[in-house]
Amino acid sequence: MNVNNKKVIVVGGGAAGMLAAIFAARNKNQVILLEKNEKLGKKLYITGKGRCNLTNACDMDDLFQNVVTNPKFLYGAFYSYSNFDVINFFEEIGLKTKIERGNRVFPESDKSSDVLAVLLKELKQLGVDIRYNCEASEIILKDNSFCGVKIKNNPEMIHGDKVIIATGGLSYPATGSTGDGYRFAKEMGHSVTKLYPSLVPMNVAEVSTVKELQGLSLKNIHIRITSKNKEIYSDFGELLFTHFGVSGPVILSASSYCISYMENKDLVLSIDLKPALSKEQLDTRILRDFDEFSNKQYKNALDQLLPRKLIQVIIALSKIDPEKKVNLITKEERSRLVDLLKGMEFHITRLRDYNEAVITKGGIQVKEINPSTMESKLISGVYFAGEVLDLDALTGGFNLQIAWSTAYSAGSAV
């Protein structure tokens, strides 16, 4: 345990900043938490649709498999402060949690405000000096070591022994994520990789089709994304049609793999609407429905097979006469319908921007960071935590786990 009572400045009061401040204070340090907004955790408040998906209660192998960028760097951080450590931490400071589908962990109340409330209570109990509307403008160094932080519109510098930079990325800029940490890092000589919005919805070329399907959510579908017939991503899950394209958990996760292929402009999204059935089984199922509705027109014979909103679109895309009696539909036409249901295609034109991105892909090069402590290898007394680092994961609580684990490493090390 560190008992030197150092003065630690934490820049950024989001998920990583708050947790880093808590553990730095538990380590008997004097902690100042600088937040540019009028309150802490603005992005945490809106995460998980306002419910806050805290982490994921999967095993350690699954945790690493869901990290897209630099999972090996997180080995020490995840084992030092695991997903179950996070759950225990929140339970201990007064937040009851629950585990939902896909091992996603939420507050029992379904309110992200309750997560913020217990974090704020813990910060205050530990005597952390929280300074609101206090924007760091520059990290001051002396002899290649940290010595203080300059504040915007304030001539005085806040002196300190250590600094933890937890300023987030560029996603949801309305919450204050404006990339300050990347600038601080570059000014100190760190490398920052190319930055992209990630975990974002996608635009598709077939605008008229998706507009007809807008608002339709499809559960238990399978998607496959290809570039020049090479598979980039495939997964089962939930998809949502929007007025511009597609969204939903399975699409957001897919976006983090599509980013580097977007310049090719040849990404194809294929949706299997009936992944539990083979083509032969689906054909048998359709035949059964057609036998039952033998005198019905094609346009009235798909009610048991598809959601109502999807029927008209599938009829149009199958190029089968909607007025045709189903007992007159040929095997070739039926085969066309099966192929369509097993592979409904859309052409991805672009990913949405930072205003809709859950996270930023890219960040400070992790090879320049000590993986055990999150301290800069270039500048003494400077630490980084959370989204500002070149680390990102899929949806399901994994990105917050990265924030908690890196924040714990940094907060415990100062």
Protein backbone atom coordinates (compact mmCIF):
# COMPACT_ATOMS: atom_id res chain seq x y z
CA MET A 1 0.00 0.00 0.00
CA ASN A 2 1.27 3.44 -0.98
CA VAL A 3 1.32 5.81 2.03
CA ASN A 4 3.39 8.68 0.64
CA ASN A 5 0.35 10.99 0.45
CA LYS A 6 1.21 12.29 -2.98
CA LYS A 7 -0.86 14.90 -4.77
CA VAL A 8 -2.59 13.14 -7.67
CA ILE A 9 -4.52 15.01 -10.35
CA VAL A 10 -7.08 13.06 -12.39
CA VAL A 11 -8.10 14.74 -15.64
CA GLY A 12 -11.60 13.71 -16.74
CA GLY A 13 -14.56 12.65 -14.61
CA GLY A 14 -15.96 9.85 -16.70
CA ALA A 15 -16.01 6.13 -15.84
CA ALA A 16 -12.22 5.69 -15.89
CA GLY A 17 -11.52 9.02 -14.18
CA MET A 18 -13.92 8.42 -11.30
CA LEU A 19 -12.62 4.90 -10.61
CA ALA A 20 -8.99 5.98 -10.91
CA ALA A 21 -9.67 8.80 -8.43
CA ILE A 22 -11.31 6.37 -5.99
CA PHE A 23 -8.39 3.95 -5.97
CA ALA A 24 -5.80 6.74 -5.88
CA ALA A 25 -7.61 8.14 -2.81
CA ARG A 26 -7.89 4.68 -1.20
CA ASN A 27 -4.12 4.59 -1.66
CA LYS A 28 -3.83 7.48 0.85
CA ASN A 29 -3.14 10.15 -1.77
CA GLN A 30 -4.52 13.67 -1.97
CA VAL A 31 -6.67 13.52 -5.12
CA ILE A 32 -8.03 16.33 -7.27
CA LEU A 33 -10.52 15.32 -9.98
CA LEU A 34 -10.87 17.85 -12.82
CA GLU A 35 -14.09 17.74 -14.87
CA LYS A 36 -14.80 20.18 -17.71
CA ASN A 37 -18.59 19.69 -17.42
CA GLU A 38 -20.94 20.80 -14.66
CA LYS A 39 -21.30 17.17 -13.50
CA LEU A 40 -19.46 13.85 -13.62
CA GLY A 41 -20.12 10.87 -15.89
CA LYS A 42 -22.14 12.45 -18.69
CA LYS A 43 -21.34 9.62 -21.10
CA LEU A 44 -21.80 6.95 -18.42
CA TYR A 45 -25.28 8.38 -17.82
CA ILE A 46 -26.42 7.62 -21.38
CA THR A 47 -24.62 4.29 -21.83
CA GLY A 48 -26.75 1.16 -22.30
CA LYS A 49 -29.73 3.34 -23.28
CA GLY A 50 -29.60 4.96 -19.86
CA ARG A 51 -29.38 1.64 -18.04
CA CYS A 52 -25.54 1.39 -17.92
CA ASN A 53 -24.18 -1.99 -18.98
CA LEU A 54 -21.46 -2.05 -16.27
CA THR A 55 -19.49 -5.08 -17.46
CA ASN A 56 -19.97 -8.63 -18.70
CA ALA A 57 -20.07 -11.66 -16.40
CA CYS A 58 -18.36 -13.99 -18.88
CA ASP A 59 -15.25 -16.05 -18.23
CA MET A 60 -11.79 -14.58 -18.77
CA ASP A 61 -11.29 -16.21 -22.21
CA ASP A 62 -14.50 -14.63 -23.49
CA LEU A 63 -13.46 -11.30 -22.03
CA PHE A 64 -10.28 -11.30 -24.09
CA GLN A 65 -12.08 -12.59 -27.21
CA ASN A 66 -14.39 -9.58 -27.11
CA VAL A 67 -11.49 -7.12 -27.11
CA VAL A 68 -10.87 -6.08 -30.71
CA THR A 69 -7.68 -4.01 -30.39
CA ASN A 70 -4.59 -4.93 -28.32
CA PRO A 71 -6.10 -7.61 -26.05
CA LYS A 72 -2.63 -8.83 -24.97
CA PHE A 73 -1.87 -5.42 -23.46
CA LEU A 74 -4.83 -5.92 -21.08
CA TYR A 75 -3.63 -9.23 -19.66
CA GLY A 76 -2.29 -7.74 -16.43
CA ALA A 77 -5.09 -5.20 -16.07
CA PHE A 78 -7.90 -7.75 -16.52
CA TYR A 79 -6.34 -10.25 -14.13
CA SER A 80 -5.60 -7.54 -11.54
CA TYR A 81 -9.13 -6.15 -11.74
CA SER A 82 -11.53 -8.56 -13.41
CA ASN A 83 -15.19 -8.25 -14.37
CA PHE A 84 -16.12 -9.98 -11.10
CA ASP A 85 -13.99 -7.50 -9.16
CA VAL A 86 -16.03 -4.74 -10.80
CA ILE A 87 -19.32 -6.39 -9.78
CA ASN A 88 -18.05 -6.84 -6.21
CA PHE A 89 -16.85 -3.22 -6.07
CA PHE A 90 -20.26 -1.85 -7.01
CA GLU A 91 -22.09 -4.21 -4.65
CA GLU A 92 -19.77 -3.12 -1.81
CA ILE A 93 -20.41 0.60 -2.37
CA GLY A 94 -24.16 0.06 -2.39
CA LEU A 95 -25.28 -0.78 -5.94
CA LYS A 96 -27.25 -3.98 -6.47
CA THR A 97 -26.55 -5.57 -9.86
CA LYS A 98 -28.19 -8.18 -12.10
CA ILE A 99 -27.06 -10.34 -15.01
CA GLU A 100 -29.11 -10.37 -18.22
CA ARG A 101 -28.98 -12.11 -21.59
CA GLY A 102 -25.46 -12.39 -22.98
CA ASN A 103 -24.02 -12.11 -19.44
CA ARG A 104 -24.50 -8.33 -19.53
CA VAL A 105 -24.40 -6.76 -16.07
CA PHE A 106 -26.74 -3.88 -15.19
CA PRO A 107 -27.78 -2.08 -12.03
CA GLU A 108 -30.83 -3.85 -10.58
CA SER A 109 -32.74 -0.56 -10.84
CA ASP A 110 -31.98 -0.18 -14.58
CA LYS A 111 -30.86 3.39 -13.83
CA SER A 112 -27.42 4.68 -14.79
CA SER A 113 -28.07 7.55 -12.36
CA ASP A 114 -27.76 5.03 -9.52
CA VAL A 115 -24.29 4.03 -10.78
CA LEU A 116 -23.21 7.68 -10.77
CA ALA A 117 -24.74 8.23 -7.34
CA VAL A 118 -22.71 5.47 -5.64
CA LEU A 119 -19.49 6.55 -7.39
CA LEU A 120 -20.03 10.18 -6.34
CA LYS A 121 -20.81 9.12 -2.76
CA GLU A 122 -17.58 7.07 -2.62
CA LEU A 123 -15.52 9.94 -4.06
CA LYS A 124 -16.89 12.31 -1.43
CA GLN A 125 -16.37 9.85 1.42
CA LEU A 126 -12.74 9.51 0.37
CA GLY A 127 -12.30 13.28 0.36
CA VAL A 128 -11.59 13.62 -3.36
CA ASP A 129 -11.54 17.30 -4.36
CA ILE A 130 -13.93 17.39 -7.35
CA ARG A 131 -13.63 20.54 -9.45
CA TYR A 132 -16.45 21.06 -11.93
CA ASN A 133 -16.33 23.34 -15.01
CA CYS A 134 -12.57 22.98 -14.75
CA GLU A 135 -11.01 22.23 -18.14
CA ALA A 136 -7.37 21.16 -18.31
CA SER A 137 -5.61 22.99 -21.13
CA GLU A 138 -2.03 21.77 -20.78
CA ILE A 139 0.04 19.16 -18.95
CA ILE A 140 3.17 20.82 -17.53
CA LEU A 141 6.44 18.87 -17.41
CA LYS A 142 9.78 19.54 -15.78
CA ASP A 143 12.89 17.44 -16.49
CA ASN A 144 10.77 14.88 -18.33
CA SER A 145 8.47 14.45 -15.33
CA PHE A 146 4.97 15.65 -14.57
CA CYS A 147 4.69 18.75 -12.36
CA GLY A 148 1.27 20.30 -12.94
CA VAL A 149 -1.84 21.04 -14.98
CA LYS A 150 -2.84 24.36 -16.52
CA ILE A 151 -6.55 25.20 -16.46
CA LYS A 152 -8.35 27.00 -19.27
CA ASN A 153 -9.03 30.69 -18.53
CA ASN A 154 -7.04 30.51 -15.31
CA PRO A 155 -3.48 31.86 -14.96
CA GLU A 156 -2.62 29.56 -12.05
CA MET A 157 -1.24 26.04 -12.46
CA ILE A 158 -2.39 23.17 -10.26
CA HIS A 159 0.80 21.54 -9.02
CA GLY A 160 0.90 17.78 -8.52
CA ASP A 161 3.14 14.74 -8.18
CA LYS A 162 1.22 12.44 -10.56
CA VAL A 163 -1.47 12.84 -13.21
CA ILE A 164 -3.95 10.31 -14.57
CA ILE A 165 -5.34 11.33 -17.94
CA ALA A 166 -8.82 9.83 -18.43
CA THR A 167 -10.34 12.23 -20.93
CA GLY A 168 -12.15 9.65 -23.08
CA GLY A 169 -12.22 9.61 -26.87
CA LEU A 170 -14.15 11.54 -29.52
CA SER A 171 -17.49 9.71 -29.37
CA TYR A 172 -20.60 11.60 -28.21
CA PRO A 173 -18.82 15.00 -28.26
CA ALA A 174 -21.88 16.59 -26.59
CA THR A 175 -20.77 14.82 -23.38
CA GLY A 176 -17.42 16.64 -23.45
CA SER A 177 -15.37 14.03 -25.34
CA THR A 178 -13.35 16.32 -27.58
CA GLY A 179 -10.06 14.43 -27.80
CA ASP A 180 -8.11 16.53 -25.28
CA GLY A 181 -6.15 13.49 -24.07
CA TYR A 182 -4.82 12.76 -27.56
CA ARG A 183 -3.49 16.31 -27.78
CA PHE A 184 -1.88 16.11 -24.31
CA ALA A 185 -0.25 12.79 -25.28
CA LYS A 186 1.12 14.15 -28.58
CA GLU A 187 2.49 17.25 -26.84
CA MET A 188 4.40 14.92 -24.49
CA GLY A 189 5.87 12.98 -27.41
CA HIS A 190 3.44 10.04 -27.50
CA SER A 191 2.19 8.47 -30.73
CA VAL A 192 -1.55 8.40 -31.38
CA THR A 193 -2.94 5.95 -33.94
CA LYS A 194 -5.50 6.93 -36.55
CA LEU A 195 -8.88 7.59 -34.88
CA TYR A 196 -12.27 6.36 -36.10
CA PRO A 197 -15.83 6.33 -34.77
CA SER A 198 -16.64 2.74 -33.75
CA LEU A 199 -19.61 0.70 -32.58
CA VAL A 200 -21.71 2.77 -34.96
CA PRO A 201 -24.77 2.20 -37.15
CA MET A 202 -24.28 1.84 -40.90
CA ASN A 203 -25.73 3.55 -43.98
CA VAL A 204 -26.76 1.30 -46.87
CA ALA A 205 -27.35 1.96 -50.57
CA GLU A 206 -30.84 0.43 -50.50
CA VAL A 207 -32.42 3.50 -48.85
CA SER A 208 -35.96 2.95 -50.14
CA THR A 209 -35.98 -0.60 -48.75
CA VAL A 210 -34.75 0.33 -45.25
CA LYS A 211 -37.17 3.26 -45.08
CA GLU A 212 -40.02 0.77 -45.51
CA LEU A 213 -38.52 -1.33 -42.70
CA GLN A 214 -37.65 1.59 -40.39
CA GLY A 215 -38.21 0.69 -36.73
CA LEU A 216 -38.33 -3.06 -37.34
CA SER A 217 -36.18 -5.00 -34.89
CA LEU A 218 -35.15 -8.55 -35.84
CA LYS A 219 -34.01 -10.85 -33.06
CA ASN A 220 -32.01 -14.06 -33.52
CA ILE A 221 -30.82 -13.32 -37.03
CA HIS A 222 -27.37 -14.07 -38.42
CA ILE A 223 -25.33 -11.47 -40.31
CA ARG A 224 -22.30 -11.87 -42.53
CA ILE A 225 -20.26 -8.97 -43.91
CA THR A 226 -17.95 -9.52 -46.85
CA SER A 227 -15.50 -7.51 -48.94
CA LYS A 228 -14.66 -8.99 -52.35
CA ASN A 229 -16.27 -12.25 -51.11
CA LYS A 230 -13.89 -12.36 -48.13
CA GLU A 231 -15.70 -12.66 -44.81
CA ILE A 232 -14.89 -9.79 -42.44
CA TYR A 233 -17.43 -10.46 -39.70
CA SER A 234 -20.28 -12.80 -38.87
CA ASP A 235 -22.45 -13.13 -35.79
CA PHE A 236 -25.89 -13.94 -34.39
CA GLY A 237 -27.92 -11.29 -32.63
CA GLU A 238 -30.36 -8.43 -32.90
CA LEU A 239 -30.61 -5.95 -35.78
CA LEU A 240 -32.63 -2.75 -36.14
CA PHE A 241 -33.62 -1.07 -39.41
CA THR A 242 -33.37 2.73 -39.45
CA HIS A 243 -34.30 5.41 -42.00
CA PHE A 244 -30.68 5.42 -43.26
CA GLY A 245 -29.63 1.79 -42.87
CA VAL A 246 -29.04 -0.67 -40.05
CA SER A 247 -28.23 -0.55 -36.35
CA GLY A 248 -28.64 -2.77 -33.29
CA PRO A 249 -26.06 -4.70 -31.21
CA VAL A 250 -24.91 -7.08 -33.95
CA ILE A 251 -24.33 -4.16 -36.39
CA LEU A 252 -22.52 -2.00 -33.84
CA SER A 253 -20.09 -4.82 -33.08
CA ALA A 254 -19.60 -5.50 -36.80
CA SER A 255 -18.68 -1.85 -37.40
CA SER A 256 -15.44 -2.18 -35.43
CA TYR A 257 -14.24 -4.78 -37.96
CA CYS A 258 -15.46 -2.88 -41.03
CA ILE A 259 -13.60 0.38 -40.46
CA SER A 260 -10.39 -0.55 -42.28
CA TYR A 261 -12.37 -1.84 -45.29
CA MET A 262 -14.58 1.22 -45.80
CA GLU A 263 -12.27 2.78 -48.40
CA ASN A 264 -12.89 -0.23 -50.69
CA LYS A 265 -16.60 0.71 -50.89
CA ASP A 266 -17.56 -2.90 -51.59
CA LEU A 267 -18.88 -4.13 -48.25
CA VAL A 268 -21.92 -6.36 -48.49
CA LEU A 269 -24.18 -7.16 -45.54
CA SER A 270 -26.04 -10.46 -45.83
CA ILE A 271 -28.84 -11.16 -43.34
CA ASP A 272 -30.01 -14.72 -42.70
CA LEU A 273 -33.56 -14.23 -41.44
CA LYS A 274 -33.96 -17.92 -40.52
CA PRO A 275 -30.55 -19.08 -39.23
CA ALA A 276 -32.01 -22.04 -37.30
CA LEU A 277 -33.14 -23.67 -40.57
CA SER A 278 -31.06 -25.01 -43.45
CA LYS A 279 -32.22 -24.09 -46.97
CA GLU A 280 -33.84 -27.54 -47.28
CA GLN A 281 -35.63 -27.18 -43.93
CA LEU A 282 -36.81 -23.68 -44.82
CA ASP A 283 -38.13 -24.90 -48.17
CA THR A 284 -40.06 -27.66 -46.35
CA ARG A 285 -41.47 -25.07 -43.94
CA ILE A 286 -42.56 -22.78 -46.81
CA LEU A 287 -44.16 -25.72 -48.63
CA ARG A 288 -46.09 -26.57 -45.47
CA ASP A 289 -47.36 -22.98 -45.22
CA PHE A 290 -48.25 -22.93 -48.91
CA ASP A 291 -50.18 -26.20 -48.56
CA GLU A 292 -52.11 -24.74 -45.64
CA PHE A 293 -52.92 -21.56 -47.61
CA SER A 294 -53.12 -23.21 -51.04
CA ASN A 295 -55.90 -20.94 -52.31
CA LYS A 296 -54.43 -17.75 -50.95
CA GLN A 297 -52.50 -15.22 -52.98
CA TYR A 298 -48.74 -15.07 -52.37
CA LYS A 299 -49.06 -11.64 -50.71
CA ASN A 300 -51.33 -13.14 -48.03
CA ALA A 301 -49.44 -16.38 -47.40
CA LEU A 302 -46.32 -15.24 -45.50
CA ASP A 303 -47.92 -14.10 -42.22
CA GLN A 304 -46.69 -17.10 -40.22
CA LEU A 305 -43.19 -16.87 -41.65
CA LEU A 306 -42.27 -13.17 -41.35
CA PRO A 307 -43.04 -10.01 -39.38
CA ARG A 308 -45.79 -7.99 -41.09
CA LYS A 309 -43.50 -5.06 -41.86
CA LEU A 310 -41.08 -7.34 -43.73
CA ILE A 311 -43.63 -9.13 -45.91
CA GLN A 312 -44.14 -6.45 -48.59
CA VAL A 313 -40.37 -5.93 -48.96
CA ILE A 314 -39.70 -9.67 -49.32
CA ILE A 315 -42.52 -10.01 -51.86
CA ALA A 316 -41.00 -7.21 -53.97
CA LEU A 317 -37.44 -8.54 -53.72
CA SER A 318 -38.46 -12.13 -54.52
CA LYS A 319 -39.89 -10.98 -57.87
CA ILE A 320 -42.85 -13.33 -57.50
CA ASP A 321 -46.25 -11.97 -58.59
CA PRO A 322 -47.98 -10.95 -55.30
CA GLU A 323 -51.38 -11.89 -56.78
CA LYS A 324 -50.28 -15.40 -57.71
CA LYS A 325 -51.95 -18.28 -55.88
CA VAL A 326 -49.36 -20.09 -53.77
CA ASN A 327 -50.28 -23.48 -55.21
CA LEU A 328 -49.08 -22.15 -58.58
CA ILE A 329 -45.70 -20.92 -57.36
CA THR A 330 -42.96 -22.89 -59.07
CA LYS A 331 -40.04 -24.68 -57.44
CA GLU A 332 -37.69 -22.13 -59.03
CA GLU A 333 -39.66 -19.23 -57.54
CA ARG A 334 -39.73 -20.95 -54.15
CA SER A 335 -35.95 -21.47 -54.36
CA ARG A 336 -35.56 -17.73 -55.04
CA LEU A 337 -37.59 -16.96 -51.92
CA VAL A 338 -35.48 -19.35 -49.81
CA ASP A 339 -32.24 -17.77 -51.08
CA LEU A 340 -33.59 -14.32 -50.23
CA LEU A 341 -34.63 -15.31 -46.69
CA LYS A 342 -31.23 -16.95 -46.10
CA GLY A 343 -29.27 -14.03 -47.55
CA MET A 344 -31.05 -10.66 -47.75
CA GLU A 345 -28.35 -8.33 -49.07
CA PHE A 346 -27.54 -4.67 -48.47
CA HIS A 347 -24.54 -2.65 -49.67
CA ILE A 348 -22.85 -0.67 -46.89
CA THR A 349 -21.98 2.86 -48.04
CA ARG A 350 -20.56 4.37 -44.87
CA LEU A 351 -20.39 4.21 -41.09
CA ARG A 352 -22.10 6.91 -39.04
CA ASP A 353 -20.02 9.62 -37.29
CA TYR A 354 -18.80 10.33 -33.74
CA ASN A 355 -22.19 11.75 -32.72
CA GLU A 356 -23.59 8.21 -32.90
CA ALA A 357 -20.44 6.23 -32.07
CA VAL A 358 -20.38 4.37 -28.75
CA ILE A 359 -16.56 4.50 -28.68
CA THR A 360 -13.49 5.75 -30.49
CA LYS A 361 -11.28 3.22 -32.25
CA GLY A 362 -7.61 4.11 -32.00
CA GLY A 363 -5.73 6.10 -29.39
CA ILE A 364 -2.39 6.37 -27.59
CA GLN A 365 0.02 3.65 -28.72
CA VAL A 366 0.00 1.03 -25.96
CA LYS A 367 3.62 0.03 -26.60
CA GLU A 368 4.50 3.40 -25.02
CA ILE A 369 2.52 2.55 -21.85
CA ASN A 370 3.43 0.24 -18.96
CA PRO A 371 0.69 -2.45 -19.02
CA SER A 372 0.90 -3.06 -15.26
CA THR A 373 0.58 0.55 -14.10
CA MET A 374 -0.67 2.49 -17.17
CA GLU A 375 2.26 4.89 -16.66
CA SER A 376 3.85 6.51 -19.67
CA LYS A 377 7.18 4.94 -20.61
CA LEU A 378 8.25 8.37 -21.91
CA ILE A 379 7.29 10.74 -19.10
CA SER A 380 7.56 9.99 -15.39
CA GLY A 381 4.41 10.53 -13.31
CA VAL A 382 1.98 10.53 -16.26
CA TYR A 383 -0.65 7.78 -16.43
CA PHE A 384 -3.49 7.07 -18.88
CA ALA A 385 -6.77 5.20 -18.42
CA GLY A 386 -9.83 4.31 -20.48
CA GLU A 387 -10.83 5.19 -24.00
CA VAL A 388 -7.89 7.55 -24.60
CA LEU A 389 -5.72 4.42 -25.05
CA ASP A 390 -5.67 2.36 -28.26
CA LEU A 391 -8.03 -0.27 -26.83
CA ASP A 392 -11.56 -1.14 -27.88
CA ALA A 393 -14.02 -4.01 -27.65
CA LEU A 394 -17.42 -5.20 -28.80
CA THR A 395 -20.76 -4.26 -27.24
CA GLY A 396 -21.93 -5.98 -24.08
CA GLY A 397 -20.11 -4.15 -21.27
CA PHE A 398 -16.60 -4.92 -22.53
CA ASN A 399 -15.54 -1.32 -23.20
CA LEU A 400 -16.52 -0.26 -19.70
CA GLN A 401 -14.51 -3.22 -18.37
CA ILE A 402 -11.47 -1.80 -20.20
CA ALA A 403 -12.15 1.57 -18.54
CA TRP A 404 -12.50 0.04 -15.03
CA SER A 405 -9.45 -2.24 -15.33
CA THR A 406 -7.07 0.40 -16.73
CA ALA A 407 -8.35 2.93 -14.19
CA TYR A 408 -7.74 0.48 -11.33
CA SER A 409 -4.19 -0.17 -12.59
CA ALA A 410 -3.43 3.55 -12.77
CA GLY A 411 -5.18 4.52 -9.52
CA SER A 412 -3.51 1.72 -7.57
CA ALA A 413 -0.07 2.52 -8.97
CA VAL A 414 0.11 6.20 -7.99
